[in-house]
Amino acid sequence: MTVPIIIPVNRLDRAKGRLAELLTPDERETLTIATLRTVLAAVREAGMRPMVLAADPRLAELLDPGLTIVAEDPSASGLNEQLEVALAATREPAVLILHADLPLATGPALRAVLAAAGAEESVALVRSPDGGTNAMLLRPPGRFALAYGPGSFAAHLEVAERAGLRAVVVESPELALDLDTPADLRTLLSTPEGRASAAGRLLLQRGVEDRLG
């Protein structure tokens, strides 16, 4: 089964706000696009269908032609409402919500999330280090209200189980690391794999490792 993947992306001029003291606005935008391209390549490698939920109309010009880009619904407020509108529009039996800032994402890692969910009604989740939800496969979508924000991983586990869905926690180093804080950048640059990633190369080229100290 080909599973659609919804990848929400914030406005580029608001991207990576927690890195504002370390990176310039241009660097934050460039990093956002670099990690998004990595995620999109992983989705294609996994044989899944990417759909970018875009708050910024410029994404249509910056990304590959033919990519499905869905503009945010002006009547929906906040990430959770925007995602719920997008989920309802897919009319699919299973959908994966995936963050756009995962510099180590790979196709096999995404396939592992799909395999962990199995064929029954379930939710498979990948936790970020700060307790967020970096990836969440919903089979089916729409059974509970989304809870993205601080502590979303624990919140999603609770509401999924309350909805009667089997909840599966997937341990995935490739999908667990996101780039929100200077500490995340240090983690990325601390390994050969991270330094060789598109985001890692960009940070090294811009001299960010020296700024991190």
N, C-alpha and C. Protein backbone atom coordinates (compact mmCIF):
# COMPACT_ATOMS: atom_id res chain seq x y z
N MET A 1 0.85 -1.19 0.00
CA MET A 1 0.00 0.00 0.00
C MET A 1 0.88 1.25 0.00
N THR A 2 0.55 2.21 -0.83
CA THR A 2 1.27 3.48 -0.86
C THR A 2 0.63 4.44 0.13
N VAL A 3 1.37 4.80 1.15
CA VAL A 3 0.84 5.64 2.21
C VAL A 3 1.20 7.11 1.94
N PRO A 4 0.23 8.00 1.98
CA PRO A 4 0.57 9.42 1.85
C PRO A 4 1.21 9.95 3.12
N ILE A 5 2.14 10.87 2.95
CA ILE A 5 2.82 11.48 4.08
C ILE A 5 2.59 12.98 4.03
N ILE A 6 2.03 13.52 5.10
CA ILE A 6 1.80 14.95 5.21
C ILE A 6 2.97 15.57 5.97
N ILE A 7 3.60 16.56 5.34
CA ILE A 7 4.77 17.22 5.92
C ILE A 7 4.44 18.70 6.11
N PRO A 8 4.11 19.12 7.31
CA PRO A 8 3.79 20.54 7.51
C PRO A 8 5.07 21.38 7.56
N VAL A 9 5.02 22.53 6.92
CA VAL A 9 6.17 23.44 6.88
C VAL A 9 5.70 24.85 7.23
N ASN A 10 6.34 25.46 8.20
CA ASN A 10 6.00 26.80 8.66
C ASN A 10 6.42 27.83 7.61
N ARG A 11 6.00 29.06 7.80
CA ARG A 11 6.48 30.15 6.96
C ARG A 11 7.99 30.24 7.09
N LEU A 12 8.68 30.44 5.98
CA LEU A 12 10.14 30.44 6.00
C LEU A 12 10.69 31.60 6.83
N ASP A 13 9.98 32.73 6.86
CA ASP A 13 10.49 33.86 7.65
C ASP A 13 10.26 33.67 9.14
N ARG A 14 9.57 32.60 9.51
CA ARG A 14 9.38 32.29 10.93
C ARG A 14 10.07 30.99 11.32
N ALA A 15 10.76 30.39 10.37
CA ALA A 15 11.33 29.06 10.60
C ALA A 15 12.45 29.11 11.63
N LYS A 16 12.49 28.08 12.46
CA LYS A 16 13.60 27.87 13.39
C LYS A 16 13.84 29.06 14.30
N GLY A 17 12.76 29.57 14.89
CA GLY A 17 12.87 30.75 15.74
C GLY A 17 13.79 30.55 16.93
N ARG A 18 13.87 29.32 17.44
CA ARG A 18 14.73 29.07 18.60
C ARG A 18 16.22 29.07 18.26
N LEU A 19 16.51 29.18 16.96
CA LEU A 19 17.91 29.29 16.53
C LEU A 19 18.28 30.72 16.13
N ALA A 20 17.40 31.67 16.43
CA ALA A 20 17.60 33.04 15.96
C ALA A 20 18.86 33.68 16.52
N GLU A 21 19.28 33.30 17.72
CA GLU A 21 20.47 33.90 18.30
C GLU A 21 21.75 33.31 17.71
N LEU A 22 21.62 32.19 17.00
CA LEU A 22 22.79 31.51 16.43
C LEU A 22 22.89 31.67 14.92
N LEU A 23 21.73 31.62 14.24
CA LEU A 23 21.71 31.65 12.77
C LEU A 23 21.02 32.92 12.28
N THR A 24 21.48 33.42 11.13
CA THR A 24 20.81 34.56 10.51
C THR A 24 19.48 34.10 9.90
N PRO A 25 18.58 35.03 9.58
CA PRO A 25 17.33 34.63 8.93
C PRO A 25 17.56 33.83 7.65
N ASP A 26 18.53 34.25 6.84
CA ASP A 26 18.83 33.50 5.61
C ASP A 26 19.30 32.09 5.93
N GLU A 27 20.14 31.94 6.94
CA GLU A 27 20.63 30.62 7.31
C GLU A 27 19.51 29.73 7.83
N ARG A 28 18.58 30.31 8.56
CA ARG A 28 17.46 29.51 9.07
C ARG A 28 16.57 29.04 7.92
N GLU A 29 16.32 29.92 6.96
CA GLU A 29 15.53 29.52 5.80
C GLU A 29 16.24 28.44 5.00
N THR A 30 17.53 28.62 4.77
CA THR A 30 18.29 27.66 3.99
C THR A 30 18.35 26.30 4.70
N LEU A 31 18.50 26.31 6.02
CA LEU A 31 18.50 25.06 6.78
C LEU A 31 17.14 24.38 6.69
N THR A 32 16.08 25.15 6.76
CA THR A 32 14.73 24.58 6.65
C THR A 32 14.54 23.87 5.32
N ILE A 33 14.96 24.50 4.24
CA ILE A 33 14.82 23.88 2.91
C ILE A 33 15.71 22.65 2.79
N ALA A 34 16.92 22.71 3.35
CA ALA A 34 17.83 21.57 3.26
C ALA A 34 17.26 20.35 3.96
N THR A 35 16.73 20.52 5.16
CA THR A 35 16.17 19.37 5.88
C THR A 35 14.89 18.89 5.21
N LEU A 36 14.09 19.81 4.69
CA LEU A 36 12.88 19.41 3.97
C LEU A 36 13.23 18.56 2.76
N ARG A 37 14.25 18.95 2.02
CA ARG A 37 14.66 18.15 0.85
C ARG A 37 15.13 16.75 1.28
N THR A 38 15.81 16.67 2.41
CA THR A 38 16.23 15.36 2.93
C THR A 38 15.02 14.51 3.25
N VAL A 39 14.03 15.10 3.90
CA VAL A 39 12.81 14.37 4.25
C VAL A 39 12.06 13.92 3.00
N LEU A 40 11.96 14.80 2.01
CA LEU A 40 11.27 14.43 0.77
C LEU A 40 11.99 13.30 0.05
N ALA A 41 13.32 13.32 0.06
CA ALA A 41 14.08 12.23 -0.57
C ALA A 41 13.84 10.92 0.15
N ALA A 42 13.74 10.97 1.48
CA ALA A 42 13.47 9.76 2.25
C ALA A 42 12.08 9.21 1.94
N VAL A 43 11.11 10.10 1.81
CA VAL A 43 9.75 9.67 1.48
C VAL A 43 9.72 8.97 0.13
N ARG A 44 10.38 9.54 -0.84
CA ARG A 44 10.41 8.93 -2.17
C ARG A 44 11.16 7.59 -2.13
N GLU A 45 12.25 7.53 -1.37
CA GLU A 45 13.01 6.28 -1.24
C GLU A 45 12.14 5.18 -0.62
N ALA A 46 11.25 5.58 0.27
CA ALA A 46 10.37 4.62 0.92
C ALA A 46 9.21 4.20 0.04
N GLY A 47 9.05 4.84 -1.12
CA GLY A 47 7.94 4.52 -2.00
C GLY A 47 6.62 5.08 -1.54
N MET A 48 6.67 6.15 -0.73
CA MET A 48 5.46 6.78 -0.22
C MET A 48 5.19 8.08 -0.97
N ARG A 49 4.04 8.69 -0.71
CA ARG A 49 3.62 9.88 -1.44
C ARG A 49 3.71 11.11 -0.55
N PRO A 50 4.65 12.03 -0.84
CA PRO A 50 4.75 13.22 0.00
C PRO A 50 3.73 14.29 -0.37
N MET A 51 3.23 14.96 0.65
CA MET A 51 2.34 16.09 0.46
C MET A 51 2.78 17.17 1.44
N VAL A 52 3.24 18.29 0.94
CA VAL A 52 3.72 19.37 1.79
C VAL A 52 2.56 20.29 2.14
N LEU A 53 2.30 20.43 3.43
CA LEU A 53 1.29 21.36 3.91
C LEU A 53 2.00 22.68 4.17
N ALA A 54 1.80 23.64 3.27
CA ALA A 54 2.66 24.82 3.22
C ALA A 54 1.97 26.06 3.77
N ALA A 55 2.64 26.69 4.75
CA ALA A 55 2.18 27.99 5.21
C ALA A 55 2.76 29.10 4.37
N ASP A 56 3.82 28.79 3.59
CA ASP A 56 4.52 29.81 2.82
C ASP A 56 4.35 29.54 1.32
N PRO A 57 3.77 30.46 0.56
CA PRO A 57 3.57 30.23 -0.88
C PRO A 57 4.87 30.12 -1.66
N ARG A 58 5.98 30.58 -1.09
CA ARG A 58 7.26 30.49 -1.79
C ARG A 58 7.73 29.05 -1.97
N LEU A 59 7.23 28.14 -1.16
CA LEU A 59 7.69 26.75 -1.26
C LEU A 59 7.42 26.17 -2.64
N ALA A 60 6.32 26.57 -3.26
CA ALA A 60 6.00 26.04 -4.58
C ALA A 60 7.07 26.40 -5.60
N GLU A 61 7.76 27.52 -5.40
CA GLU A 61 8.82 27.94 -6.32
C GLU A 61 10.16 27.29 -5.96
N LEU A 62 10.35 26.94 -4.71
CA LEU A 62 11.65 26.46 -4.25
C LEU A 62 11.81 24.95 -4.36
N LEU A 63 10.68 24.22 -4.40
CA LEU A 63 10.75 22.76 -4.42
C LEU A 63 10.53 22.22 -5.83
N ASP A 64 10.71 20.92 -5.99
CA ASP A 64 10.66 20.29 -7.30
C ASP A 64 9.28 20.40 -7.94
N PRO A 65 9.21 20.66 -9.24
CA PRO A 65 7.91 20.66 -9.93
C PRO A 65 7.25 19.28 -9.81
N GLY A 66 5.96 19.27 -9.70
CA GLY A 66 5.24 18.01 -9.59
C GLY A 66 4.98 17.57 -8.17
N LEU A 67 5.66 18.18 -7.21
CA LEU A 67 5.42 17.85 -5.82
C LEU A 67 4.05 18.37 -5.39
N THR A 68 3.32 17.56 -4.65
CA THR A 68 2.01 18.00 -4.17
C THR A 68 2.20 18.97 -3.01
N ILE A 69 1.77 20.20 -3.21
CA ILE A 69 1.85 21.23 -2.17
C ILE A 69 0.44 21.74 -1.91
N VAL A 70 0.04 21.66 -0.66
CA VAL A 70 -1.29 22.09 -0.26
C VAL A 70 -1.16 23.32 0.62
N ALA A 71 -1.80 24.40 0.22
CA ALA A 71 -1.76 25.62 1.03
C ALA A 71 -2.59 25.44 2.29
N GLU A 72 -2.15 26.07 3.35
CA GLU A 72 -2.92 26.02 4.59
C GLU A 72 -4.31 26.61 4.38
N ASP A 73 -5.26 26.08 5.13
CA ASP A 73 -6.64 26.54 5.07
C ASP A 73 -6.77 27.82 5.92
N PRO A 74 -7.15 28.94 5.32
CA PRO A 74 -7.24 30.19 6.09
C PRO A 74 -8.28 30.15 7.21
N SER A 75 -9.22 29.21 7.12
CA SER A 75 -10.24 29.12 8.16
C SER A 75 -9.81 28.29 9.36
N ALA A 76 -8.66 27.60 9.25
CA ALA A 76 -8.16 26.76 10.33
C ALA A 76 -7.07 27.51 11.09
N SER A 77 -7.08 27.36 12.40
CA SER A 77 -6.12 28.08 13.23
C SER A 77 -5.16 27.10 13.90
N GLY A 78 -3.86 27.32 13.69
CA GLY A 78 -2.86 26.50 14.36
C GLY A 78 -2.55 25.21 13.63
N LEU A 79 -1.44 24.61 14.02
CA LEU A 79 -0.97 23.41 13.33
C LEU A 79 -1.94 22.25 13.44
N ASN A 80 -2.50 22.03 14.61
CA ASN A 80 -3.39 20.87 14.77
C ASN A 80 -4.62 20.97 13.88
N GLU A 81 -5.23 22.13 13.84
CA GLU A 81 -6.41 22.29 12.98
C GLU A 81 -6.02 22.16 11.51
N GLN A 82 -4.89 22.74 11.12
CA GLN A 82 -4.46 22.65 9.73
C GLN A 82 -4.24 21.19 9.33
N LEU A 83 -3.60 20.42 10.20
CA LEU A 83 -3.36 19.01 9.90
C LEU A 83 -4.66 18.22 9.84
N GLU A 84 -5.58 18.51 10.71
CA GLU A 84 -6.84 17.78 10.70
C GLU A 84 -7.63 18.05 9.43
N VAL A 85 -7.57 19.28 8.93
CA VAL A 85 -8.21 19.59 7.64
C VAL A 85 -7.54 18.80 6.53
N ALA A 86 -6.21 18.75 6.54
CA ALA A 86 -5.48 18.01 5.50
C ALA A 86 -5.75 16.52 5.57
N LEU A 87 -5.80 15.98 6.78
CA LEU A 87 -6.10 14.55 6.95
C LEU A 87 -7.47 14.21 6.41
N ALA A 88 -8.45 15.04 6.70
CA ALA A 88 -9.81 14.78 6.22
C ALA A 88 -9.87 14.81 4.70
N ALA A 89 -9.04 15.65 4.10
CA ALA A 89 -9.06 15.78 2.64
C ALA A 89 -8.43 14.59 1.94
N THR A 90 -7.54 13.85 2.61
CA THR A 90 -6.86 12.74 1.95
C THR A 90 -7.79 11.56 1.70
N ARG A 91 -8.74 11.33 2.61
CA ARG A 91 -9.67 10.20 2.51
C ARG A 91 -8.93 8.87 2.34
N GLU A 92 -7.82 8.71 3.08
CA GLU A 92 -7.00 7.51 3.00
C GLU A 92 -7.15 6.69 4.28
N PRO A 93 -6.97 5.36 4.19
CA PRO A 93 -7.09 4.52 5.39
C PRO A 93 -5.92 4.65 6.34
N ALA A 94 -4.78 5.15 5.85
CA ALA A 94 -3.62 5.36 6.70
C ALA A 94 -2.85 6.56 6.17
N VAL A 95 -2.37 7.40 7.10
CA VAL A 95 -1.61 8.59 6.74
C VAL A 95 -0.49 8.76 7.75
N LEU A 96 0.67 9.17 7.27
CA LEU A 96 1.80 9.46 8.15
C LEU A 96 2.03 10.96 8.19
N ILE A 97 2.09 11.52 9.40
CA ILE A 97 2.45 12.91 9.59
C ILE A 97 3.93 12.95 9.96
N LEU A 98 4.70 13.75 9.25
CA LEU A 98 6.14 13.73 9.40
C LEU A 98 6.68 15.14 9.49
N HIS A 99 7.53 15.40 10.49
CA HIS A 99 8.14 16.72 10.60
C HIS A 99 9.10 16.96 9.44
N ALA A 100 9.32 18.22 9.12
CA ALA A 100 10.14 18.59 7.97
C ALA A 100 11.60 18.82 8.32
N ASP A 101 11.94 18.77 9.62
CA ASP A 101 13.29 19.16 10.04
C ASP A 101 14.09 17.98 10.58
N LEU A 102 14.01 16.84 9.88
CA LEU A 102 14.68 15.62 10.32
C LEU A 102 15.89 15.38 9.40
N PRO A 103 17.08 15.80 9.81
CA PRO A 103 18.24 15.80 8.90
C PRO A 103 18.78 14.41 8.58
N LEU A 104 18.40 13.41 9.36
CA LEU A 104 18.92 12.05 9.15
C LEU A 104 17.86 11.10 8.60
N ALA A 105 16.72 11.62 8.18
CA ALA A 105 15.61 10.78 7.71
C ALA A 105 16.04 9.92 6.52
N THR A 106 15.57 8.66 6.52
CA THR A 106 15.85 7.74 5.41
C THR A 106 14.59 6.98 5.05
N GLY A 107 14.60 6.43 3.84
CA GLY A 107 13.49 5.61 3.40
C GLY A 107 13.28 4.39 4.28
N PRO A 108 14.33 3.61 4.60
CA PRO A 108 14.14 2.45 5.46
C PRO A 108 13.56 2.81 6.83
N ALA A 109 13.93 3.96 7.37
CA ALA A 109 13.38 4.36 8.66
C ALA A 109 11.88 4.59 8.56
N LEU A 110 11.44 5.18 7.47
CA LEU A 110 10.00 5.40 7.28
C LEU A 110 9.27 4.08 7.06
N ARG A 111 9.88 3.18 6.30
CA ARG A 111 9.25 1.87 6.10
C ARG A 111 9.14 1.12 7.42
N ALA A 112 10.10 1.33 8.32
CA ALA A 112 10.05 0.66 9.62
C ALA A 112 8.86 1.15 10.45
N VAL A 113 8.53 2.42 10.33
CA VAL A 113 7.36 2.94 11.03
C VAL A 113 6.09 2.29 10.50
N LEU A 114 6.01 2.17 9.18
CA LEU A 114 4.85 1.54 8.56
C LEU A 114 4.74 0.07 8.98
N ALA A 115 5.88 -0.62 9.01
CA ALA A 115 5.87 -2.04 9.39
C ALA A 115 5.48 -2.21 10.85
N ALA A 116 5.92 -1.29 11.71
CA ALA A 116 5.60 -1.40 13.13
C ALA A 116 4.11 -1.24 13.39
N ALA A 117 3.46 -0.44 12.58
CA ALA A 117 2.02 -0.22 12.77
C ALA A 117 1.21 -1.45 12.44
N GLY A 118 1.69 -2.26 11.49
CA GLY A 118 0.94 -3.44 11.09
C GLY A 118 -0.30 -3.08 10.30
N ALA A 119 -1.17 -4.07 10.12
CA ALA A 119 -2.36 -3.87 9.29
C ALA A 119 -3.60 -3.52 10.10
N GLU A 120 -3.52 -3.66 11.41
CA GLU A 120 -4.70 -3.39 12.24
C GLU A 120 -4.80 -1.90 12.57
N GLU A 121 -5.91 -1.51 13.20
CA GLU A 121 -6.08 -0.12 13.60
C GLU A 121 -5.04 0.21 14.66
N SER A 122 -4.22 1.23 14.38
CA SER A 122 -3.11 1.51 15.28
C SER A 122 -2.55 2.90 15.03
N VAL A 123 -1.67 3.30 15.93
CA VAL A 123 -0.90 4.52 15.80
C VAL A 123 0.55 4.17 16.09
N ALA A 124 1.46 4.53 15.19
CA ALA A 124 2.89 4.31 15.41
C ALA A 124 3.56 5.67 15.51
N LEU A 125 4.36 5.87 16.57
CA LEU A 125 4.92 7.19 16.86
C LEU A 125 6.42 7.12 17.07
N VAL A 126 7.10 8.19 16.66
CA VAL A 126 8.52 8.38 16.93
C VAL A 126 8.65 9.64 17.79
N ARG A 127 9.31 9.49 18.93
CA ARG A 127 9.45 10.59 19.89
C ARG A 127 10.69 11.41 19.59
N SER A 128 10.57 12.73 19.75
CA SER A 128 11.74 13.60 19.68
C SER A 128 12.36 13.69 21.08
N PRO A 129 13.62 14.11 21.19
CA PRO A 129 14.25 14.17 22.51
C PRO A 129 13.53 15.06 23.52
N ASP A 130 12.82 16.08 23.05
CA ASP A 130 12.14 16.98 23.98
C ASP A 130 10.69 16.60 24.23
N GLY A 131 10.30 15.39 23.80
CA GLY A 131 8.94 14.92 24.07
C GLY A 131 7.93 15.25 23.01
N GLY A 132 8.40 15.69 21.85
CA GLY A 132 7.49 15.94 20.74
C GLY A 132 7.24 14.69 19.93
N THR A 133 6.47 14.83 18.86
CA THR A 133 6.12 13.71 17.98
C THR A 133 6.67 14.00 16.59
N ASN A 134 7.80 13.37 16.25
CA ASN A 134 8.43 13.65 14.96
C ASN A 134 7.78 12.92 13.80
N ALA A 135 7.21 11.76 14.07
CA ALA A 135 6.51 10.99 13.03
C ALA A 135 5.35 10.28 13.70
N MET A 136 4.21 10.24 13.01
CA MET A 136 3.05 9.55 13.57
C MET A 136 2.21 8.97 12.43
N LEU A 137 2.15 7.66 12.39
CA LEU A 137 1.32 6.97 11.41
C LEU A 137 -0.05 6.71 12.02
N LEU A 138 -1.09 7.18 11.37
CA LEU A 138 -2.46 7.03 11.84
C LEU A 138 -3.19 6.04 10.95
N ARG A 139 -3.66 4.95 11.56
CA ARG A 139 -4.43 3.96 10.81
C ARG A 139 -5.67 3.58 11.61
N PRO A 140 -6.79 4.23 11.37
CA PRO A 140 -7.05 5.28 10.37
C PRO A 140 -6.85 6.67 10.98
N PRO A 141 -6.76 7.71 10.15
CA PRO A 141 -6.74 9.07 10.68
C PRO A 141 -8.13 9.49 11.15
N GLY A 142 -8.15 10.53 11.98
CA GLY A 142 -9.41 11.12 12.38
C GLY A 142 -10.08 10.51 13.59
N ARG A 143 -9.42 9.59 14.27
CA ARG A 143 -10.04 8.95 15.43
C ARG A 143 -9.85 9.74 16.73
N PHE A 144 -8.95 10.70 16.72
CA PHE A 144 -8.75 11.53 17.91
C PHE A 144 -8.19 12.88 17.48
N ALA A 145 -8.35 13.88 18.35
CA ALA A 145 -7.84 15.21 18.06
C ALA A 145 -6.32 15.23 18.20
N LEU A 146 -5.66 15.87 17.28
CA LEU A 146 -4.21 15.97 17.32
C LEU A 146 -3.78 16.91 18.44
N ALA A 147 -2.57 16.68 18.96
CA ALA A 147 -2.11 17.43 20.13
C ALA A 147 -0.68 17.90 19.96
N TYR A 148 -0.31 18.34 18.75
CA TYR A 148 1.05 18.83 18.54
C TYR A 148 1.29 20.07 19.38
N GLY A 149 2.53 20.15 19.89
CA GLY A 149 2.91 21.20 20.83
C GLY A 149 3.75 20.56 21.92
N PRO A 150 4.10 21.30 22.98
CA PRO A 150 4.90 20.72 24.05
C PRO A 150 4.26 19.47 24.64
N GLY A 151 5.07 18.42 24.80
CA GLY A 151 4.57 17.18 25.37
C GLY A 151 3.65 16.39 24.48
N SER A 152 3.73 16.60 23.17
CA SER A 152 2.74 15.96 22.28
C SER A 152 2.87 14.45 22.23
N PHE A 153 4.07 13.92 22.43
CA PHE A 153 4.23 12.47 22.35
C PHE A 153 3.38 11.76 23.41
N ALA A 154 3.50 12.19 24.65
CA ALA A 154 2.71 11.59 25.73
C ALA A 154 1.22 11.84 25.50
N ALA A 155 0.89 13.03 25.03
CA ALA A 155 -0.53 13.34 24.77
C ALA A 155 -1.09 12.46 23.67
N HIS A 156 -0.33 12.24 22.60
CA HIS A 156 -0.81 11.40 21.51
C HIS A 156 -0.96 9.95 21.94
N LEU A 157 -0.05 9.47 22.77
CA LEU A 157 -0.19 8.10 23.29
C LEU A 157 -1.49 7.96 24.08
N GLU A 158 -1.75 8.93 24.92
CA GLU A 158 -2.94 8.87 25.78
C GLU A 158 -4.23 8.89 24.96
N VAL A 159 -4.34 9.84 24.01
CA VAL A 159 -5.59 9.96 23.27
C VAL A 159 -5.77 8.79 22.30
N ALA A 160 -4.67 8.24 21.79
CA ALA A 160 -4.78 7.08 20.90
C ALA A 160 -5.31 5.87 21.65
N GLU A 161 -4.78 5.63 22.83
CA GLU A 161 -5.24 4.48 23.61
C GLU A 161 -6.68 4.69 24.07
N ARG A 162 -7.03 5.93 24.39
CA ARG A 162 -8.40 6.22 24.79
C ARG A 162 -9.36 5.98 23.63
N ALA A 163 -8.86 6.17 22.40
CA ALA A 163 -9.69 5.95 21.21
C ALA A 163 -9.76 4.48 20.81
N GLY A 164 -9.07 3.63 21.56
CA GLY A 164 -9.12 2.20 21.27
C GLY A 164 -8.16 1.74 20.21
N LEU A 165 -7.14 2.55 19.90
CA LEU A 165 -6.15 2.18 18.91
C LEU A 165 -4.91 1.59 19.58
N ARG A 166 -4.33 0.59 18.94
CA ARG A 166 -3.07 0.05 19.44
C ARG A 166 -1.98 1.08 19.19
N ALA A 167 -1.25 1.45 20.25
CA ALA A 167 -0.20 2.46 20.14
C ALA A 167 1.17 1.78 20.15
N VAL A 168 1.97 2.06 19.13
CA VAL A 168 3.28 1.45 18.98
C VAL A 168 4.34 2.56 19.00
N VAL A 169 5.29 2.43 19.92
CA VAL A 169 6.40 3.39 19.98
C VAL A 169 7.56 2.83 19.15
N VAL A 170 8.00 3.60 18.18
CA VAL A 170 9.07 3.17 17.28
C VAL A 170 10.37 3.89 17.66
N GLU A 171 11.40 3.12 17.96
CA GLU A 171 12.72 3.69 18.25
C GLU A 171 13.45 3.88 16.93
N SER A 172 13.71 5.12 16.56
CA SER A 172 14.30 5.41 15.26
C SER A 172 15.28 6.56 15.38
N PRO A 173 16.59 6.29 15.49
CA PRO A 173 17.56 7.38 15.55
C PRO A 173 17.49 8.29 14.33
N GLU A 174 17.13 7.74 13.17
CA GLU A 174 17.08 8.55 11.95
C GLU A 174 15.93 9.56 11.98
N LEU A 175 14.88 9.25 12.70
CA LEU A 175 13.72 10.14 12.74
C LEU A 175 13.59 10.87 14.07
N ALA A 176 14.39 10.52 15.06
CA ALA A 176 14.26 11.12 16.38
C ALA A 176 14.88 12.51 16.46
N LEU A 177 15.95 12.73 15.69
CA LEU A 177 16.64 14.01 15.79
C LEU A 177 15.99 15.06 14.91
N ASP A 178 15.51 16.12 15.53
CA ASP A 178 15.05 17.29 14.78
C ASP A 178 15.97 18.46 15.12
N LEU A 179 15.82 19.55 14.39
CA LEU A 179 16.75 20.67 14.56
C LEU A 179 15.99 21.90 15.04
N ASP A 180 15.81 21.98 16.36
CA ASP A 180 15.09 23.11 16.95
C ASP A 180 15.99 24.03 17.76
N THR A 181 17.04 23.48 18.36
CA THR A 181 17.85 24.24 19.31
C THR A 181 19.34 24.10 18.97
N PRO A 182 20.18 24.98 19.53
CA PRO A 182 21.62 24.80 19.35
C PRO A 182 22.12 23.44 19.80
N ALA A 183 21.52 22.88 20.85
CA ALA A 183 21.92 21.54 21.30
C ALA A 183 21.66 20.50 20.23
N ASP A 184 20.57 20.66 19.47
CA ASP A 184 20.28 19.73 18.37
C ASP A 184 21.35 19.82 17.29
N LEU A 185 21.81 21.03 17.01
CA LEU A 185 22.86 21.20 16.00
C LEU A 185 24.16 20.56 16.46
N ARG A 186 24.46 20.70 17.75
CA ARG A 186 25.67 20.04 18.29
C ARG A 186 25.55 18.53 18.14
N THR A 187 24.38 18.00 18.44
CA THR A 187 24.18 16.55 18.30
C THR A 187 24.39 16.12 16.86
N LEU A 188 23.83 16.87 15.91
CA LEU A 188 23.99 16.52 14.50
C LEU A 188 25.46 16.51 14.09
N LEU A 189 26.20 17.50 14.53
CA LEU A 189 27.59 17.64 14.11
C LEU A 189 28.55 16.77 14.92
N SER A 190 28.02 16.01 15.87
CA SER A 190 28.88 15.17 16.71
C SER A 190 29.15 13.80 16.11
N THR A 191 28.50 13.48 14.99
CA THR A 191 28.68 12.16 14.37
C THR A 191 29.07 12.31 12.91
N PRO A 192 29.79 11.34 12.36
CA PRO A 192 30.13 11.40 10.94
C PRO A 192 28.89 11.46 10.05
N GLU A 193 27.85 10.71 10.42
CA GLU A 193 26.62 10.70 9.62
C GLU A 193 25.97 12.08 9.61
N GLY A 194 25.96 12.71 10.77
CA GLY A 194 25.37 14.04 10.85
C GLY A 194 26.15 15.08 10.07
N ARG A 195 27.47 15.01 10.16
CA ARG A 195 28.30 15.97 9.44
C ARG A 195 28.19 15.79 7.93
N ALA A 196 27.93 14.55 7.50
CA ALA A 196 27.82 14.26 6.07
C ALA A 196 26.43 14.55 5.52
N SER A 197 25.45 14.77 6.38
CA SER A 197 24.09 15.05 5.91
C SER A 197 24.05 16.41 5.24
N ALA A 198 22.98 16.66 4.49
CA ALA A 198 22.84 17.95 3.81
C ALA A 198 22.83 19.10 4.81
N ALA A 199 22.13 18.91 5.92
CA ALA A 199 22.09 19.96 6.95
C ALA A 199 23.45 20.13 7.60
N GLY A 200 24.12 19.01 7.87
CA GLY A 200 25.44 19.08 8.48
C GLY A 200 26.45 19.79 7.60
N ARG A 201 26.44 19.47 6.31
CA ARG A 201 27.37 20.13 5.39
C ARG A 201 27.09 21.63 5.32
N LEU A 202 25.82 21.99 5.31
CA LEU A 202 25.45 23.40 5.27
C LEU A 202 25.96 24.13 6.51
N LEU A 203 25.76 23.54 7.67
CA LEU A 203 26.19 24.18 8.92
C LEU A 203 27.71 24.32 8.97
N LEU A 204 28.41 23.31 8.48
CA LEU A 204 29.87 23.38 8.46
C LEU A 204 30.35 24.45 7.49
N GLN A 205 29.71 24.53 6.32
CA GLN A 205 30.10 25.53 5.32
C GLN A 205 29.90 26.95 5.85
N ARG A 206 28.84 27.13 6.64
CA ARG A 206 28.55 28.47 7.18
C ARG A 206 29.33 28.77 8.46
N GLY A 207 30.15 27.85 8.91
CA GLY A 207 30.95 28.10 10.11
C GLY A 207 30.17 28.03 11.41
N VAL A 208 29.05 27.35 11.40
CA VAL A 208 28.20 27.30 12.60
C VAL A 208 28.85 26.51 13.72
N GLU A 209 29.67 25.52 13.37
CA GLU A 209 30.33 24.74 14.42
C GLU A 209 31.19 25.63 15.31
N ASP A 210 31.87 26.59 14.73
CA ASP A 210 32.68 27.52 15.53
C ASP A 210 31.81 28.39 16.44
N ARG A 211 30.63 28.76 15.96
CA ARG A 211 29.73 29.58 16.78
C ARG A 211 29.19 28.78 17.96
N LEU A 212 29.03 27.48 17.77
CA LEU A 212 28.51 26.65 18.84
C LEU A 212 29.51 26.52 19.99
N GLY A 213 30.79 26.70 19.68
CA GLY A 213 31.82 26.62 20.70
C GLY A 213 32.20 25.20 21.08
